[in-house]
Amino acid sequence: MIDIIPAIDVIGGRCVRLEQGDFARKTVYDADTIDAAKRFRDAGLKRLHMVDLDGARTGGPKNLSTLESVSVITDIVIDYGGGVRTNEDVADVLSAGASIVNIGSLTVKEPELFAEMVRRFGAEKFLPGADARGGMAAVSGWRTVTNTTVGELLLRFAGLGIREAFVTDVASDGMMLGPAVGFYRELLNAAPGIGLIASGGVRGIDDVHELEDAGCTGVIVGKAFYEGTITLKEISKYVGKANSAVSRR
């Protein structure tokens, strides 16, 4: 079974979605992030991907009170990131209720610092992410393309003991044009020692099935939920079938 992980991107405590990471192309979907999280939990989902866009833009987590409220009211496993740049930031995010910290550009720009964080807090506390443009890792809000391939980055994560990472195809994110399944297959072959969570482009439940067949361990779904092209009823049905299959083993 592939983990379906709903995304909540937060600006000023509200749930929003961007197109291709562009703050000028923003849509506000849920004024109350707690209600959104409850709906996902009630559909049977066990994980939540939260991104603090305020923190990502200005540095340092800025929506920890929102994280704390969601974690207290729901029992969902939250990975939270955005602006996490120091050990103190990691500690604050974990103290506010996140089970896992998601980190992106820092892993490329300051790999030694990220390695230190992993040693200090444990590899199980991190979900590193790679943003991909043409197979290369992009940083700084996707504006800068590096000379590091995403496959190389995943191997680096695996070497730190990281068990799972997410990869966002920048061209697909927020566009609902379908996920880059072929690219994810290539990455799974290049870095077989780490679980791969796909992010970007998911339009409906068929895309989820295709990513599962490709071998991805998880899929982050955002805009498709909020636009209604993938429904919580469909997700509940999918989760129910998967749980039934597990119970019969």
Protein backbone atom coordinates (compact mmCIF):
# COMPACT_ATOMS: atom_id res chain seq x y z
CA MET A 1 0.00 0.00 0.00
CA ILE A 2 1.21 3.47 -0.83
CA ASP A 3 0.84 6.13 1.88
CA ILE A 4 -1.44 8.94 0.74
CA ILE A 5 -0.17 12.06 2.48
CA PRO A 6 -2.30 15.20 2.23
CA ALA A 7 -0.42 18.49 2.05
CA ILE A 8 -1.28 21.58 4.02
CA ASP A 9 0.75 24.63 3.00
CA VAL A 10 0.33 27.38 5.57
CA ILE A 11 0.50 31.15 5.23
CA GLY A 12 -0.70 33.19 8.18
CA GLY A 13 -2.30 30.10 9.72
CA ARG A 14 -4.42 29.47 6.60
CA CYS A 15 -4.26 26.57 4.17
CA VAL A 16 -3.13 27.64 0.69
CA ARG A 17 -1.70 26.13 -2.50
CA LEU A 18 0.85 27.64 -4.84
CA GLU A 19 1.43 26.88 -8.51
CA GLN A 20 5.05 25.83 -9.11
CA GLY A 21 6.08 27.44 -5.83
CA ASP A 22 5.10 30.93 -6.96
CA PHE A 23 3.75 33.06 -4.10
CA ALA A 24 2.07 35.32 -6.65
CA ARG A 25 -0.03 32.34 -7.82
CA LYS A 26 -1.67 31.53 -4.50
CA THR A 27 -5.12 30.17 -3.74
CA VAL A 28 -6.54 30.10 -0.20
CA TYR A 29 -8.60 26.95 0.36
CA ASP A 30 -9.18 26.52 4.08
CA ALA A 31 -9.16 29.34 6.60
CA ASP A 32 -9.08 26.70 9.35
CA THR A 33 -6.22 24.23 9.00
CA ILE A 34 -7.55 22.22 11.95
CA ASP A 35 -10.78 21.47 10.10
CA ALA A 36 -8.80 20.39 7.05
CA ALA A 37 -6.66 18.08 9.17
CA LYS A 38 -9.75 16.60 10.83
CA ARG A 39 -11.28 15.79 7.46
CA PHE A 40 -8.13 13.97 6.39
CA ARG A 41 -7.99 12.06 9.67
CA ASP A 42 -11.66 11.09 9.46
CA ALA A 43 -11.05 9.72 5.96
CA GLY A 44 -8.60 7.24 7.48
CA LEU A 45 -5.37 8.99 6.54
CA LYS A 46 -2.54 8.62 9.01
CA ARG A 47 -0.03 11.21 7.84
CA LEU A 48 0.04 14.92 7.09
CA HIS A 49 2.64 17.01 5.26
CA MET A 50 2.72 20.60 6.54
CA VAL A 51 4.83 23.32 4.96
CA ASP A 52 5.26 26.68 6.67
CA LEU A 53 5.47 28.98 3.66
CA ASP A 54 5.97 32.03 5.84
CA GLY A 55 9.01 30.35 7.37
CA ALA A 56 10.29 29.17 4.01
CA ARG A 57 10.19 32.73 2.70
CA THR A 58 11.63 34.58 5.70
CA GLY A 59 13.54 31.95 7.69
CA GLY A 60 12.62 30.20 10.93
CA PRO A 61 9.30 28.40 11.59
CA LYS A 62 6.46 30.95 11.76
CA ASN A 63 3.33 28.83 12.20
CA LEU A 64 4.21 26.65 15.17
CA SER A 65 0.98 27.57 16.96
CA THR A 66 -0.95 26.14 14.02
CA LEU A 67 1.16 22.99 14.14
CA GLU A 68 0.56 22.64 17.86
CA SER A 69 -3.20 23.04 17.48
CA VAL A 70 -3.39 20.41 14.73
CA SER A 71 -1.22 17.96 16.67
CA VAL A 72 -3.23 18.34 19.87
CA ILE A 73 -6.65 17.90 18.26
CA THR A 74 -5.74 15.10 15.83
CA ASP A 75 -3.65 11.97 16.29
CA ILE A 76 -2.28 12.18 12.77
CA VAL A 77 1.48 11.87 12.18
CA ILE A 78 2.74 15.26 11.02
CA ASP A 79 5.88 16.06 9.09
CA TYR A 80 6.48 19.80 9.21
CA GLY A 81 8.99 22.08 7.52
CA GLY A 82 9.63 25.48 6.04
CA GLY A 83 12.38 27.76 7.28
CA VAL A 84 14.05 25.08 9.42
CA ARG A 85 17.72 26.13 9.38
CA THR A 86 19.14 25.41 12.83
CA ASN A 87 19.16 22.72 15.48
CA GLU A 88 17.00 25.01 17.58
CA ASP A 89 14.42 25.17 14.79
CA VAL A 90 14.32 21.36 14.66
CA ALA A 91 13.82 21.19 18.43
CA ASP A 92 11.04 23.80 18.29
CA VAL A 93 9.19 21.95 15.52
CA LEU A 94 9.37 18.62 17.37
CA SER A 95 8.31 20.27 20.63
CA ALA A 96 5.28 21.82 18.88
CA GLY A 97 3.97 18.39 17.95
CA ALA A 98 5.55 17.26 14.70
CA SER A 99 6.77 13.68 14.59
CA ILE A 100 9.06 14.37 11.65
CA VAL A 101 10.81 17.46 10.26
CA ASN A 102 10.85 17.93 6.50
CA ILE A 103 13.84 19.81 5.12
CA GLY A 104 14.63 20.80 1.55
CA SER A 105 17.25 23.28 0.32
CA LEU A 106 19.38 23.01 3.47
CA THR A 107 20.29 19.42 2.60
CA VAL A 108 22.00 20.67 -0.56
CA LYS A 109 23.29 24.07 0.52
CA GLU A 110 24.58 22.96 3.93
CA PRO A 111 24.96 19.17 3.86
CA GLU A 112 27.29 19.10 6.86
CA LEU A 113 24.75 20.94 8.99
CA PHE A 114 22.00 18.55 7.89
CA ALA A 115 24.23 15.58 8.74
CA GLU A 116 24.82 17.09 12.18
CA MET A 117 21.05 17.46 12.69
CA VAL A 118 20.55 13.80 11.78
CA ARG A 119 23.24 12.71 14.24
CA ARG A 120 21.77 14.86 17.00
CA PHE A 121 18.08 14.04 16.64
CA GLY A 122 18.10 10.70 14.82
CA ALA A 123 17.50 9.82 11.17
CA GLU A 124 13.92 8.77 11.93
CA LYS A 125 13.06 12.39 12.77
CA PHE A 126 13.71 13.68 9.25
CA LEU A 127 11.98 13.55 5.89
CA PRO A 128 14.35 15.30 3.50
CA GLY A 129 13.00 16.58 0.23
CA ALA A 130 14.49 17.20 -3.18
CA ASP A 131 13.00 19.60 -5.71
CA ALA A 132 13.76 18.50 -9.25
CA ARG A 133 14.22 20.48 -12.46
CA GLY A 134 15.32 18.32 -15.35
CA GLY A 135 16.60 15.68 -12.96
CA MET A 136 18.78 18.16 -11.05
CA ALA A 137 18.21 19.37 -7.50
CA ALA A 138 16.80 22.90 -7.29
CA VAL A 139 17.11 25.11 -4.20
CA SER A 140 16.08 28.52 -2.85
CA GLY A 141 12.41 28.25 -3.68
CA TRP A 142 13.22 26.29 -6.86
CA ARG A 143 14.92 29.33 -8.38
CA THR A 144 18.45 27.90 -8.47
CA VAL A 145 19.31 24.64 -10.22
CA THR A 146 22.40 22.94 -8.77
CA ASN A 147 24.92 20.54 -10.27
CA THR A 148 23.70 17.73 -8.00
CA THR A 149 21.38 15.15 -9.49
CA VAL A 150 18.37 14.10 -7.45
CA GLY A 151 19.58 10.50 -7.61
CA GLU A 152 22.90 11.52 -6.02
CA LEU A 153 21.05 13.41 -3.32
CA LEU A 154 18.89 10.41 -2.47
CA LEU A 155 21.98 8.23 -2.15
CA ARG A 156 23.46 10.83 0.19
CA PHE A 157 20.33 10.67 2.35
CA ALA A 158 20.47 6.88 2.45
CA GLY A 159 24.09 7.10 3.61
CA LEU A 160 22.91 9.10 6.63
CA GLY A 161 20.44 6.37 7.57
CA ILE A 162 17.40 8.19 6.19
CA ARG A 163 14.70 5.68 5.30
CA GLU A 164 12.40 7.84 3.21
CA ALA A 165 12.54 11.07 1.20
CA PHE A 166 10.15 13.03 -0.99
CA VAL A 167 10.83 14.36 -4.44
CA THR A 168 8.85 17.20 -5.99
CA ASP A 169 8.81 17.53 -9.75
CA VAL A 170 8.78 21.33 -10.03
CA ALA A 171 7.19 21.36 -13.47
CA SER A 172 4.22 19.37 -12.17
CA ASP A 173 3.63 20.92 -8.76
CA GLY A 174 0.25 22.59 -8.42
CA MET A 175 -0.48 22.12 -12.12
CA MET A 176 -2.55 18.89 -11.96
CA LEU A 177 -1.07 17.61 -15.21
CA GLY A 178 -0.14 14.20 -13.85
CA PRO A 179 2.90 13.05 -11.86
CA ALA A 180 6.30 12.38 -13.43
CA VAL A 181 5.99 8.61 -13.07
CA GLY A 182 8.84 7.82 -15.46
CA PHE A 183 11.19 10.08 -13.52
CA TYR A 184 10.25 8.42 -10.24
CA ARG A 185 10.94 5.00 -11.74
CA GLU A 186 14.41 6.21 -12.73
CA LEU A 187 15.05 7.45 -9.19
CA LEU A 188 13.91 4.16 -7.65
CA ASN A 189 16.44 2.37 -9.84
CA ALA A 190 19.18 4.88 -9.03
CA ALA A 191 18.64 4.83 -5.25
CA PRO A 192 16.94 1.55 -4.30
CA GLY A 193 17.93 1.83 -0.64
CA ILE A 194 15.49 4.60 0.26
CA GLY A 195 11.71 4.87 0.17
CA LEU A 196 10.46 7.43 -2.33
CA ILE A 197 7.49 9.73 -1.77
CA ALA A 198 6.26 11.38 -4.97
CA SER A 199 5.04 14.96 -4.93
CA GLY A 200 3.50 17.10 -7.64
CA GLY A 201 0.93 16.76 -10.39
CA VAL A 202 -1.49 14.25 -8.87
CA ARG A 203 -4.93 14.65 -10.46
CA GLY A 204 -6.94 11.71 -9.14
CA ILE A 205 -6.97 8.22 -7.70
CA ASP A 206 -5.64 6.68 -10.94
CA ASP A 207 -2.41 8.63 -10.49
CA VAL A 208 -2.11 7.22 -6.97
CA HIS A 209 -2.46 3.67 -8.32
CA GLU A 210 0.14 4.36 -11.01
CA LEU A 211 2.66 5.66 -8.48
CA GLU A 212 2.01 2.65 -6.28
CA ASP A 213 2.66 0.34 -9.22
CA ALA A 214 5.90 2.23 -9.94
CA GLY A 215 7.15 1.38 -6.45
CA CYS A 216 6.74 4.67 -4.58
CA THR A 217 6.15 4.27 -0.85
CA GLY A 218 4.07 7.43 -0.59
CA VAL A 219 2.44 10.26 -2.51
CA ILE A 220 1.86 13.82 -1.33
CA VAL A 221 -1.46 15.14 -2.58
CA GLY A 222 -2.43 18.80 -2.37
CA LYS A 223 -4.39 20.69 -4.97
CA ALA A 224 -6.30 17.61 -6.16
CA PHE A 225 -7.92 17.35 -2.72
CA TYR A 226 -8.89 20.99 -2.60
CA GLU A 227 -10.13 21.12 -6.18
CA GLY A 228 -12.18 17.96 -5.64
CA THR A 229 -10.61 15.87 -8.41
CA ILE A 230 -9.70 13.29 -5.78
CA THR A 231 -12.30 12.93 -3.05
CA LEU A 232 -12.03 11.89 0.55
CA LYS A 233 -14.66 9.24 -0.20
CA GLU A 234 -12.33 7.71 -2.79
CA ILE A 235 -9.45 7.87 -0.34
CA SER A 236 -11.49 6.24 2.44
CA LYS A 237 -12.38 3.42 0.05
CA TYR A 238 -8.74 3.00 -0.98
CA VAL A 239 -7.49 2.99 2.62
CA GLY A 240 -10.23 0.56 3.65
CA LYS A 241 -9.31 -1.91 0.90
CA ALA A 242 -5.63 -1.65 1.78
CA ASN A 243 -6.29 -2.25 5.46
CA SER A 244 -8.48 -5.25 4.63
CA ALA A 245 -5.72 -6.71 2.47
CA VAL A 246 -3.22 -6.30 5.30
CA SER A 247 -5.54 -7.92 7.85
CA ARG A 248 -5.99 -10.98 5.62
CA ARG A 249 -2.28 -11.67 5.43
